[in-house]
Amino acid sequence: MQRFEAAPWPTSLKVVSLIGAALLVAVGIGAARAIPHGTRVPFAETFGTFVSFVPPAIALFALLFVVRAYEVSPGELRVQRLLWSTRLDLAGLRRAWHDPEAMCGSLRVFGNGGLFSFTGLYQNRALGRYRAFVTDPKRSVVLVLPARTLVLSPAEPRAFVEGLHAFFPRIESGPAPGHG
């Protein structure tokens, strides 16, 4: 197994994460202060308390999905999160390359678009639909498998691609002709 640290957060991710988390906490505090106390409306305080915890919980939930590192071993990739790892089968890996523009023009289909990371399902013209585990889009590495495409952002993209070649010597580098 070979471990590769995730790319350091660029300034844009730091700013979005800081402002987003601060806003979510502030909204939670504002909601808590607006809770009606001593009313005869059933469940008003209970519901208000629940609502006040939702925004900060969103920030904590997003923090759990932060990408810390990638571990490559024969046949699999593990994306290290804050408290667990996500296992991805790399059987049939066809291509791998560093592409700083991989996420350009992407639309988020489902996932997190900048609160501590860029993770989830995305889509763009160059790659089609892909799953992202990214901290710095400029350090993106694209992995093409038979049924899906992955985009990662290791701290050292070229070293990561070379590490993949050690486990998968037959993979090709660069996008397929006519793509990318």
N, C-alpha and C. Protein backbone atom coordinates (compact mmCIF):
# COMPACT_ATOMS: atom_id res chain seq x y z
N MET A 1 0.84 -1.17 0.00
CA MET A 1 0.00 0.00 0.00
C MET A 1 0.89 1.24 0.00
N GLN A 2 0.47 2.24 -0.77
CA GLN A 2 1.20 3.49 -0.83
C GLN A 2 0.25 4.63 -0.48
N ARG A 3 0.69 5.51 0.41
CA ARG A 3 -0.15 6.61 0.89
C ARG A 3 0.28 7.93 0.23
N PHE A 4 -0.72 8.69 -0.19
CA PHE A 4 -0.50 10.01 -0.78
C PHE A 4 -1.39 11.01 -0.05
N GLU A 5 -0.78 12.05 0.47
CA GLU A 5 -1.55 13.07 1.18
C GLU A 5 -2.43 13.83 0.19
N ALA A 6 -3.58 14.30 0.67
CA ALA A 6 -4.45 15.14 -0.15
C ALA A 6 -3.78 16.50 -0.34
N ALA A 7 -4.11 17.16 -1.43
CA ALA A 7 -3.55 18.48 -1.72
C ALA A 7 -3.93 19.46 -0.61
N PRO A 8 -3.03 20.39 -0.31
CA PRO A 8 -3.39 21.43 0.66
C PRO A 8 -4.55 22.27 0.13
N TRP A 9 -5.32 22.80 1.03
CA TRP A 9 -6.46 23.62 0.63
C TRP A 9 -5.99 24.91 -0.02
N PRO A 10 -6.53 25.24 -1.19
CA PRO A 10 -6.22 26.55 -1.78
C PRO A 10 -6.96 27.64 -1.00
N THR A 11 -6.57 28.87 -1.20
CA THR A 11 -7.19 30.00 -0.49
C THR A 11 -8.70 30.02 -0.70
N SER A 12 -9.16 29.75 -1.90
CA SER A 12 -10.60 29.79 -2.17
C SER A 12 -11.37 28.80 -1.30
N LEU A 13 -10.84 27.59 -1.11
CA LEU A 13 -11.52 26.60 -0.28
C LEU A 13 -11.49 27.03 1.19
N LYS A 14 -10.39 27.61 1.63
CA LYS A 14 -10.30 28.10 3.01
C LYS A 14 -11.34 29.19 3.26
N VAL A 15 -11.45 30.14 2.32
CA VAL A 15 -12.39 31.25 2.49
C VAL A 15 -13.83 30.74 2.48
N VAL A 16 -14.17 29.91 1.50
CA VAL A 16 -15.54 29.38 1.41
C VAL A 16 -15.88 28.56 2.64
N SER A 17 -14.94 27.74 3.11
CA SER A 17 -15.19 26.91 4.28
C SER A 17 -15.37 27.76 5.54
N LEU A 18 -14.52 28.77 5.70
CA LEU A 18 -14.61 29.64 6.87
C LEU A 18 -15.91 30.43 6.88
N ILE A 19 -16.22 31.07 5.76
CA ILE A 19 -17.45 31.87 5.68
C ILE A 19 -18.68 30.97 5.78
N GLY A 20 -18.66 29.84 5.07
CA GLY A 20 -19.80 28.93 5.11
C GLY A 20 -20.06 28.39 6.51
N ALA A 21 -19.01 27.94 7.18
CA ALA A 21 -19.17 27.40 8.54
C ALA A 21 -19.63 28.50 9.50
N ALA A 22 -19.04 29.70 9.38
CA ALA A 22 -19.44 30.81 10.25
C ALA A 22 -20.91 31.18 10.03
N LEU A 23 -21.34 31.22 8.78
CA LEU A 23 -22.74 31.52 8.49
C LEU A 23 -23.68 30.46 9.06
N LEU A 24 -23.32 29.20 8.90
CA LEU A 24 -24.17 28.13 9.42
C LEU A 24 -24.27 28.20 10.94
N VAL A 25 -23.17 28.47 11.61
CA VAL A 25 -23.20 28.60 13.08
C VAL A 25 -24.01 29.84 13.47
N ALA A 26 -23.82 30.96 12.77
CA ALA A 26 -24.56 32.19 13.08
C ALA A 26 -26.06 32.00 12.88
N VAL A 27 -26.45 31.32 11.82
CA VAL A 27 -27.87 31.05 11.59
C VAL A 27 -28.43 30.17 12.71
N GLY A 28 -27.65 29.20 13.14
CA GLY A 28 -28.08 28.35 14.26
C GLY A 28 -28.26 29.15 15.54
N ILE A 29 -27.33 30.06 15.82
CA ILE A 29 -27.43 30.91 17.02
C ILE A 29 -28.64 31.84 16.90
N GLY A 30 -28.81 32.43 15.72
CA GLY A 30 -29.97 33.30 15.49
C GLY A 30 -31.28 32.56 15.66
N ALA A 31 -31.34 31.34 15.16
CA ALA A 31 -32.56 30.54 15.32
C ALA A 31 -32.79 30.20 16.78
N ALA A 32 -31.72 29.91 17.52
CA ALA A 32 -31.87 29.57 18.94
C ALA A 32 -32.39 30.78 19.73
N ARG A 33 -31.93 31.97 19.37
CA ARG A 33 -32.38 33.18 20.07
C ARG A 33 -33.82 33.53 19.72
N ALA A 34 -34.31 33.05 18.59
CA ALA A 34 -35.68 33.36 18.17
C ALA A 34 -36.70 32.34 18.66
N ILE A 35 -36.25 31.34 19.40
CA ILE A 35 -37.17 30.31 19.88
C ILE A 35 -38.19 30.94 20.83
N PRO A 36 -39.47 30.71 20.57
CA PRO A 36 -40.49 31.26 21.49
C PRO A 36 -40.50 30.45 22.79
N HIS A 37 -40.30 31.13 23.91
CA HIS A 37 -40.29 30.45 25.21
C HIS A 37 -41.58 30.76 25.96
N GLY A 38 -42.10 29.77 26.63
CA GLY A 38 -43.28 29.95 27.47
C GLY A 38 -44.58 30.11 26.71
N THR A 39 -44.62 29.71 25.46
CA THR A 39 -45.88 29.81 24.72
C THR A 39 -46.74 28.59 25.00
N ARG A 40 -47.99 28.71 24.65
CA ARG A 40 -48.90 27.58 24.83
C ARG A 40 -49.02 26.77 23.54
N VAL A 41 -48.20 27.11 22.57
CA VAL A 41 -48.21 26.37 21.31
C VAL A 41 -47.45 25.06 21.53
N PRO A 42 -48.12 23.93 21.31
CA PRO A 42 -47.45 22.65 21.54
C PRO A 42 -46.20 22.50 20.66
N PHE A 43 -45.14 22.05 21.24
CA PHE A 43 -43.89 21.73 20.56
C PHE A 43 -43.15 22.93 19.98
N ALA A 44 -43.56 24.15 20.25
CA ALA A 44 -42.89 25.33 19.68
C ALA A 44 -41.42 25.38 20.11
N GLU A 45 -41.18 25.21 21.40
CA GLU A 45 -39.79 25.25 21.88
C GLU A 45 -38.99 24.06 21.36
N THR A 46 -39.60 22.90 21.36
CA THR A 46 -38.91 21.69 20.88
C THR A 46 -38.56 21.83 19.41
N PHE A 47 -39.51 22.28 18.61
CA PHE A 47 -39.28 22.44 17.18
C PHE A 47 -38.23 23.53 16.93
N GLY A 48 -38.33 24.64 17.65
CA GLY A 48 -37.36 25.72 17.50
C GLY A 48 -35.95 25.27 17.86
N THR A 49 -35.84 24.48 18.93
CA THR A 49 -34.53 23.97 19.33
C THR A 49 -33.97 23.06 18.25
N PHE A 50 -34.81 22.19 17.71
CA PHE A 50 -34.38 21.30 16.63
C PHE A 50 -33.89 22.11 15.43
N VAL A 51 -34.67 23.10 15.03
CA VAL A 51 -34.31 23.93 13.87
C VAL A 51 -32.98 24.66 14.12
N SER A 52 -32.74 25.11 15.33
CA SER A 52 -31.50 25.85 15.62
C SER A 52 -30.26 24.97 15.53
N PHE A 53 -30.42 23.66 15.70
CA PHE A 53 -29.27 22.76 15.61
C PHE A 53 -28.96 22.31 14.18
N VAL A 54 -29.89 22.47 13.26
CA VAL A 54 -29.70 21.98 11.89
C VAL A 54 -28.53 22.67 11.17
N PRO A 55 -28.45 24.00 11.12
CA PRO A 55 -27.33 24.61 10.37
C PRO A 55 -25.95 24.23 10.90
N PRO A 56 -25.68 24.29 12.23
CA PRO A 56 -24.36 23.85 12.68
C PRO A 56 -24.11 22.36 12.41
N ALA A 57 -25.16 21.56 12.45
CA ALA A 57 -25.01 20.13 12.15
C ALA A 57 -24.58 19.92 10.70
N ILE A 58 -25.07 20.76 9.80
CA ILE A 58 -24.66 20.67 8.39
C ILE A 58 -23.16 20.91 8.27
N ALA A 59 -22.65 21.92 8.98
CA ALA A 59 -21.20 22.20 8.95
C ALA A 59 -20.41 21.03 9.50
N LEU A 60 -20.84 20.46 10.62
CA LEU A 60 -20.14 19.31 11.20
C LEU A 60 -20.20 18.10 10.28
N PHE A 61 -21.35 17.88 9.66
CA PHE A 61 -21.51 16.76 8.73
C PHE A 61 -20.56 16.91 7.55
N ALA A 62 -20.47 18.11 6.99
CA ALA A 62 -19.55 18.35 5.87
C ALA A 62 -18.10 18.15 6.29
N LEU A 63 -17.76 18.55 7.51
CA LEU A 63 -16.40 18.38 8.01
C LEU A 63 -16.00 16.90 8.07
N LEU A 64 -16.94 16.04 8.37
CA LEU A 64 -16.65 14.60 8.44
C LEU A 64 -16.19 14.05 7.10
N PHE A 65 -16.62 14.67 6.00
CA PHE A 65 -16.30 14.16 4.67
C PHE A 65 -15.04 14.78 4.06
N VAL A 66 -14.31 15.56 4.84
CA VAL A 66 -13.07 16.16 4.34
C VAL A 66 -12.13 15.05 3.85
N VAL A 67 -11.39 15.33 2.80
CA VAL A 67 -10.44 14.35 2.24
C VAL A 67 -9.07 14.62 2.85
N ARG A 68 -8.50 13.60 3.50
CA ARG A 68 -7.19 13.75 4.15
C ARG A 68 -6.06 13.11 3.36
N ALA A 69 -6.32 11.96 2.75
CA ALA A 69 -5.25 11.24 2.03
C ALA A 69 -5.87 10.19 1.14
N TYR A 70 -5.01 9.62 0.29
CA TYR A 70 -5.41 8.52 -0.61
C TYR A 70 -4.42 7.38 -0.38
N GLU A 71 -4.93 6.17 -0.29
CA GLU A 71 -4.08 4.99 -0.15
C GLU A 71 -4.35 4.06 -1.32
N VAL A 72 -3.28 3.77 -2.07
CA VAL A 72 -3.40 2.90 -3.25
C VAL A 72 -2.77 1.56 -2.92
N SER A 73 -3.48 0.50 -3.25
CA SER A 73 -2.94 -0.85 -3.11
C SER A 73 -3.43 -1.64 -4.32
N PRO A 74 -2.92 -2.85 -4.52
CA PRO A 74 -3.35 -3.60 -5.70
C PRO A 74 -4.88 -3.74 -5.74
N GLY A 75 -5.47 -3.18 -6.77
CA GLY A 75 -6.91 -3.34 -6.99
C GLY A 75 -7.82 -2.37 -6.28
N GLU A 76 -7.28 -1.50 -5.41
CA GLU A 76 -8.19 -0.59 -4.72
C GLU A 76 -7.55 0.73 -4.33
N LEU A 77 -8.44 1.68 -4.08
CA LEU A 77 -8.06 3.00 -3.60
C LEU A 77 -8.89 3.26 -2.36
N ARG A 78 -8.26 3.78 -1.33
CA ARG A 78 -8.99 4.19 -0.13
C ARG A 78 -8.83 5.69 0.03
N VAL A 79 -9.95 6.38 0.12
CA VAL A 79 -9.94 7.82 0.36
C VAL A 79 -10.11 8.00 1.87
N GLN A 80 -9.08 8.54 2.51
CA GLN A 80 -9.12 8.73 3.96
C GLN A 80 -9.91 9.99 4.29
N ARG A 81 -10.96 9.80 5.08
CA ARG A 81 -11.80 10.91 5.55
C ARG A 81 -11.38 11.26 6.97
N LEU A 82 -12.16 12.07 7.64
CA LEU A 82 -11.81 12.46 9.00
C LEU A 82 -11.87 11.27 9.97
N LEU A 83 -12.92 10.46 9.88
CA LEU A 83 -13.10 9.35 10.83
C LEU A 83 -13.14 7.97 10.18
N TRP A 84 -13.12 7.89 8.87
CA TRP A 84 -13.21 6.61 8.18
C TRP A 84 -12.57 6.72 6.81
N SER A 85 -12.60 5.63 6.07
CA SER A 85 -12.09 5.67 4.69
C SER A 85 -13.17 5.13 3.75
N THR A 86 -13.15 5.66 2.54
CA THR A 86 -14.06 5.21 1.49
C THR A 86 -13.27 4.32 0.55
N ARG A 87 -13.71 3.07 0.39
CA ARG A 87 -13.01 2.11 -0.46
C ARG A 87 -13.58 2.16 -1.87
N LEU A 88 -12.68 2.25 -2.86
CA LEU A 88 -13.08 2.27 -4.27
C LEU A 88 -12.32 1.18 -5.00
N ASP A 89 -13.04 0.35 -5.71
CA ASP A 89 -12.44 -0.73 -6.49
C ASP A 89 -11.81 -0.14 -7.76
N LEU A 90 -10.56 -0.46 -7.99
CA LEU A 90 -9.86 0.04 -9.18
C LEU A 90 -9.68 -1.04 -10.25
N ALA A 91 -10.40 -2.14 -10.13
CA ALA A 91 -10.30 -3.20 -11.14
C ALA A 91 -10.65 -2.64 -12.51
N GLY A 92 -9.81 -2.90 -13.47
CA GLY A 92 -10.05 -2.43 -14.83
C GLY A 92 -9.60 -1.00 -15.08
N LEU A 93 -8.82 -0.43 -14.17
CA LEU A 93 -8.33 0.93 -14.36
C LEU A 93 -7.66 1.04 -15.73
N ARG A 94 -8.14 1.99 -16.54
CA ARG A 94 -7.64 2.12 -17.92
C ARG A 94 -6.66 3.27 -18.10
N ARG A 95 -6.98 4.41 -17.50
CA ARG A 95 -6.18 5.61 -17.72
C ARG A 95 -6.06 6.41 -16.43
N ALA A 96 -4.96 7.14 -16.33
CA ALA A 96 -4.75 8.05 -15.21
C ALA A 96 -3.86 9.19 -15.68
N TRP A 97 -4.23 10.41 -15.34
CA TRP A 97 -3.40 11.55 -15.71
C TRP A 97 -3.72 12.76 -14.82
N HIS A 98 -2.73 13.62 -14.70
CA HIS A 98 -2.89 14.88 -13.97
C HIS A 98 -3.51 15.89 -14.92
N ASP A 99 -4.61 16.52 -14.49
CA ASP A 99 -5.29 17.50 -15.32
C ASP A 99 -5.79 18.66 -14.45
N PRO A 100 -5.05 19.77 -14.43
CA PRO A 100 -5.47 20.92 -13.60
C PRO A 100 -6.81 21.52 -14.02
N GLU A 101 -7.27 21.19 -15.22
CA GLU A 101 -8.54 21.73 -15.72
C GLU A 101 -9.67 20.71 -15.64
N ALA A 102 -9.45 19.58 -15.00
CA ALA A 102 -10.44 18.49 -15.00
C ALA A 102 -11.81 18.92 -14.51
N MET A 103 -11.87 19.79 -13.51
CA MET A 103 -13.16 20.17 -12.93
C MET A 103 -13.75 21.43 -13.55
N CYS A 104 -13.05 22.03 -14.50
CA CYS A 104 -13.55 23.26 -15.14
C CYS A 104 -14.89 22.99 -15.82
N GLY A 105 -15.81 23.89 -15.64
CA GLY A 105 -17.12 23.77 -16.27
C GLY A 105 -17.99 22.68 -15.67
N SER A 106 -17.63 22.19 -14.50
CA SER A 106 -18.40 21.10 -13.90
C SER A 106 -19.65 21.60 -13.19
N LEU A 107 -20.68 20.79 -13.27
CA LEU A 107 -21.90 21.01 -12.51
C LEU A 107 -21.97 19.95 -11.42
N ARG A 108 -22.33 20.36 -10.24
CA ARG A 108 -22.48 19.41 -9.14
C ARG A 108 -23.84 18.75 -9.27
N VAL A 109 -23.85 17.44 -9.41
CA VAL A 109 -25.09 16.67 -9.49
C VAL A 109 -25.59 16.38 -8.07
N PHE A 110 -24.66 15.96 -7.21
CA PHE A 110 -24.98 15.67 -5.82
C PHE A 110 -23.69 15.71 -5.02
N GLY A 111 -23.69 16.40 -3.91
CA GLY A 111 -22.51 16.40 -3.07
C GLY A 111 -22.20 17.76 -2.51
N ASN A 112 -20.95 17.94 -2.13
CA ASN A 112 -20.47 19.12 -1.45
C ASN A 112 -19.64 19.95 -2.42
N GLY A 113 -20.00 21.20 -2.58
CA GLY A 113 -19.31 22.05 -3.54
C GLY A 113 -18.38 23.08 -2.95
N GLY A 114 -17.74 22.78 -1.82
CA GLY A 114 -16.75 23.71 -1.32
C GLY A 114 -16.73 23.94 0.18
N LEU A 115 -17.54 23.22 0.94
CA LEU A 115 -17.48 23.33 2.39
C LEU A 115 -16.54 22.25 2.90
N PHE A 116 -15.27 22.58 3.02
CA PHE A 116 -14.17 21.72 3.45
C PHE A 116 -13.63 20.79 2.36
N SER A 117 -14.33 20.64 1.25
CA SER A 117 -13.84 19.81 0.13
C SER A 117 -14.83 19.92 -1.03
N PHE A 118 -14.44 19.32 -2.14
CA PHE A 118 -15.34 19.17 -3.29
C PHE A 118 -15.53 17.67 -3.46
N THR A 119 -16.63 17.16 -2.97
CA THR A 119 -16.86 15.72 -3.00
C THR A 119 -18.26 15.43 -3.50
N GLY A 120 -18.39 14.32 -4.19
CA GLY A 120 -19.69 13.91 -4.68
C GLY A 120 -19.68 13.65 -6.16
N LEU A 121 -20.87 13.70 -6.74
CA LEU A 121 -21.04 13.46 -8.17
C LEU A 121 -21.06 14.78 -8.92
N TYR A 122 -20.22 14.88 -9.93
CA TYR A 122 -20.12 16.07 -10.76
C TYR A 122 -20.22 15.65 -12.22
N GLN A 123 -20.40 16.64 -13.10
CA GLN A 123 -20.48 16.35 -14.53
C GLN A 123 -19.95 17.55 -15.32
N ASN A 124 -19.19 17.24 -16.38
CA ASN A 124 -18.78 18.28 -17.33
C ASN A 124 -18.66 17.66 -18.72
N ARG A 125 -18.42 18.51 -19.70
CA ARG A 125 -18.35 18.00 -21.09
C ARG A 125 -17.15 17.10 -21.32
N ALA A 126 -16.02 17.43 -20.74
CA ALA A 126 -14.79 16.68 -21.01
C ALA A 126 -14.82 15.28 -20.41
N LEU A 127 -15.31 15.15 -19.18
CA LEU A 127 -15.26 13.86 -18.48
C LEU A 127 -16.60 13.14 -18.40
N GLY A 128 -17.68 13.84 -18.68
CA GLY A 128 -19.00 13.25 -18.44
C GLY A 128 -19.27 13.28 -16.94
N ARG A 129 -19.99 12.28 -16.45
CA ARG A 129 -20.28 12.21 -15.01
C ARG A 129 -19.11 11.56 -14.29
N TYR A 130 -18.70 12.15 -13.18
CA TYR A 130 -17.58 11.60 -12.42
C TYR A 130 -17.80 11.82 -10.92
N ARG A 131 -17.07 11.05 -10.14
CA ARG A 131 -17.11 11.17 -8.69
C ARG A 131 -15.84 11.88 -8.24
N ALA A 132 -16.00 12.94 -7.44
CA ALA A 132 -14.86 13.75 -7.01
C ALA A 132 -14.56 13.57 -5.53
N PHE A 133 -13.26 13.53 -5.23
CA PHE A 133 -12.73 13.53 -3.87
C PHE A 133 -11.58 14.54 -3.88
N VAL A 134 -11.90 15.82 -3.88
CA VAL A 134 -10.94 16.87 -4.22
C VAL A 134 -10.84 17.93 -3.13
N THR A 135 -9.61 18.37 -2.87
CA THR A 135 -9.39 19.54 -2.01
C THR A 135 -8.88 20.72 -2.84
N ASP A 136 -8.07 20.46 -3.86
CA ASP A 136 -7.54 21.51 -4.72
C ASP A 136 -7.75 21.12 -6.18
N PRO A 137 -8.74 21.72 -6.85
CA PRO A 137 -9.03 21.34 -8.25
C PRO A 137 -7.83 21.48 -9.19
N LYS A 138 -6.90 22.38 -8.90
CA LYS A 138 -5.73 22.56 -9.77
C LYS A 138 -4.75 21.39 -9.70
N ARG A 139 -4.91 20.53 -8.72
CA ARG A 139 -4.05 19.35 -8.60
C ARG A 139 -4.82 18.07 -8.93
N SER A 140 -5.85 18.20 -9.72
CA SER A 140 -6.71 17.05 -10.04
C SER A 140 -5.99 15.96 -10.82
N VAL A 141 -6.29 14.73 -10.46
CA VAL A 141 -5.85 13.54 -11.18
C VAL A 141 -7.12 12.80 -11.59
N VAL A 142 -7.20 12.43 -12.86
CA VAL A 142 -8.37 11.74 -13.39
C VAL A 142 -8.05 10.25 -13.52
N LEU A 143 -8.95 9.41 -13.02
CA LEU A 143 -8.84 7.95 -13.17
C LEU A 143 -10.05 7.48 -13.95
N VAL A 144 -9.80 6.76 -15.05
CA VAL A 144 -10.89 6.25 -15.87
C VAL A 144 -10.97 4.74 -15.70
N LEU A 145 -12.13 4.28 -15.26
CA LEU A 145 -12.41 2.86 -15.08
C LEU A 145 -13.50 2.47 -16.08
N PRO A 146 -13.76 1.18 -16.24
CA PRO A 146 -14.77 0.77 -17.22
C PRO A 146 -16.15 1.40 -17.00
N ALA A 147 -16.59 1.50 -15.75
CA ALA A 147 -17.95 1.97 -15.50
C ALA A 147 -18.03 3.36 -14.88
N ARG A 148 -16.89 3.97 -14.58
CA ARG A 148 -16.95 5.29 -13.95
C ARG A 148 -15.61 6.02 -14.07
N THR A 149 -15.68 7.31 -13.73
CA THR A 149 -14.50 8.16 -13.72
C THR A 149 -14.39 8.78 -12.33
N LEU A 150 -13.16 8.85 -11.83
CA LEU A 150 -12.89 9.45 -10.53
C LEU A 150 -11.96 10.64 -10.71
N VAL A 151 -12.13 11.66 -9.89
CA VAL A 151 -11.21 12.80 -9.87
C VAL A 151 -10.75 12.97 -8.42
N LEU A 152 -9.44 13.00 -8.23
CA LEU A 152 -8.82 13.13 -6.92
C LEU A 152 -7.87 14.31 -6.95
N SER A 153 -7.37 14.73 -5.78
CA SER A 153 -6.37 15.80 -5.78
C SER A 153 -5.28 15.52 -4.74
N PRO A 154 -4.34 14.67 -5.10
CA PRO A 154 -3.21 14.43 -4.19
C PRO A 154 -2.28 15.65 -4.15
N ALA A 155 -1.52 15.75 -3.08
CA ALA A 155 -0.57 16.86 -2.94
C ALA A 155 0.46 16.86 -4.07
N GLU A 156 0.87 15.67 -4.49
CA GLU A 156 1.85 15.52 -5.57
C GLU A 156 1.21 14.71 -6.71
N PRO A 157 0.50 15.36 -7.62
CA PRO A 157 -0.23 14.64 -8.67
C PRO A 157 0.63 13.71 -9.52
N ARG A 158 1.80 14.17 -9.93
CA ARG A 158 2.64 13.33 -10.80
C ARG A 158 3.16 12.11 -10.04
N ALA A 159 3.53 12.28 -8.79
CA ALA A 159 3.97 11.14 -7.97
C ALA A 159 2.82 10.15 -7.78
N PHE A 160 1.61 10.65 -7.65
CA PHE A 160 0.45 9.78 -7.50
C PHE A 160 0.25 8.93 -8.76
N VAL A 161 0.32 9.58 -9.92
CA VAL A 161 0.16 8.83 -11.19
C VAL A 161 1.27 7.80 -11.33
N GLU A 162 2.50 8.15 -10.99
CA GLU A 162 3.61 7.19 -11.03
C GLU A 162 3.36 6.04 -10.06
N GLY A 163 2.83 6.34 -8.88
CA GLY A 163 2.49 5.30 -7.91
C GLY A 163 1.43 4.36 -8.44
N LEU A 164 0.46 4.90 -9.16
CA LEU A 164 -0.57 4.05 -9.78
C LEU A 164 0.06 3.09 -10.79
N HIS A 165 1.01 3.60 -11.56
CA HIS A 165 1.67 2.76 -12.57
C HIS A 165 2.41 1.59 -11.92
N ALA A 166 2.88 1.77 -10.70
CA ALA A 166 3.56 0.67 -10.00
C ALA A 166 2.58 -0.48 -9.71
N PHE A 167 1.34 -0.14 -9.39
CA PHE A 167 0.33 -1.16 -9.10
C PHE A 167 -0.43 -1.61 -10.34
N PHE A 168 -0.52 -0.74 -11.33
CA PHE A 168 -1.27 -1.01 -12.57
C PHE A 168 -0.39 -0.65 -13.76
N PRO A 169 0.59 -1.50 -14.10
CA PRO A 169 1.56 -1.14 -15.14
C PRO A 169 0.96 -0.97 -16.53
N ARG A 170 -0.23 -1.47 -16.77
CA ARG A 170 -0.81 -1.39 -18.12
C ARG A 170 -1.69 -0.17 -18.35
N ILE A 171 -1.88 0.65 -17.34
CA ILE A 171 -2.74 1.82 -17.56
C ILE A 171 -2.05 2.83 -18.46
N GLU A 172 -2.87 3.55 -19.21
CA GLU A 172 -2.37 4.57 -20.11
C GLU A 172 -2.42 5.93 -19.43
N SER A 173 -1.56 6.82 -19.86
CA SER A 173 -1.55 8.18 -19.32
C SER A 173 -2.23 9.11 -20.31
N GLY A 174 -2.91 10.10 -19.78
CA GLY A 174 -3.56 11.09 -20.62
C GLY A 174 -4.96 10.68 -21.03
N PRO A 175 -5.75 11.65 -21.44
CA PRO A 175 -7.12 11.36 -21.86
C PRO A 175 -7.13 10.54 -23.14
N ALA A 176 -8.22 9.83 -23.34
CA ALA A 176 -8.39 9.05 -24.57
C ALA A 176 -8.43 10.02 -25.75
N PRO A 177 -7.97 9.58 -26.91
CA PRO A 177 -8.02 10.44 -28.09
C PRO A 177 -9.45 10.95 -28.31
N GLY A 178 -9.56 12.24 -28.58
CA GLY A 178 -10.87 12.83 -28.81
C GLY A 178 -11.55 13.32 -27.54
N HIS A 179 -10.92 13.16 -26.38
CA HIS A 179 -11.47 13.62 -25.11
C HIS A 179 -10.48 14.55 -24.45
N GLY A 180 -11.02 15.38 -23.52
CA GLY A 180 -10.18 16.25 -22.70
C GLY A 180 -9.62 17.34 -23.44
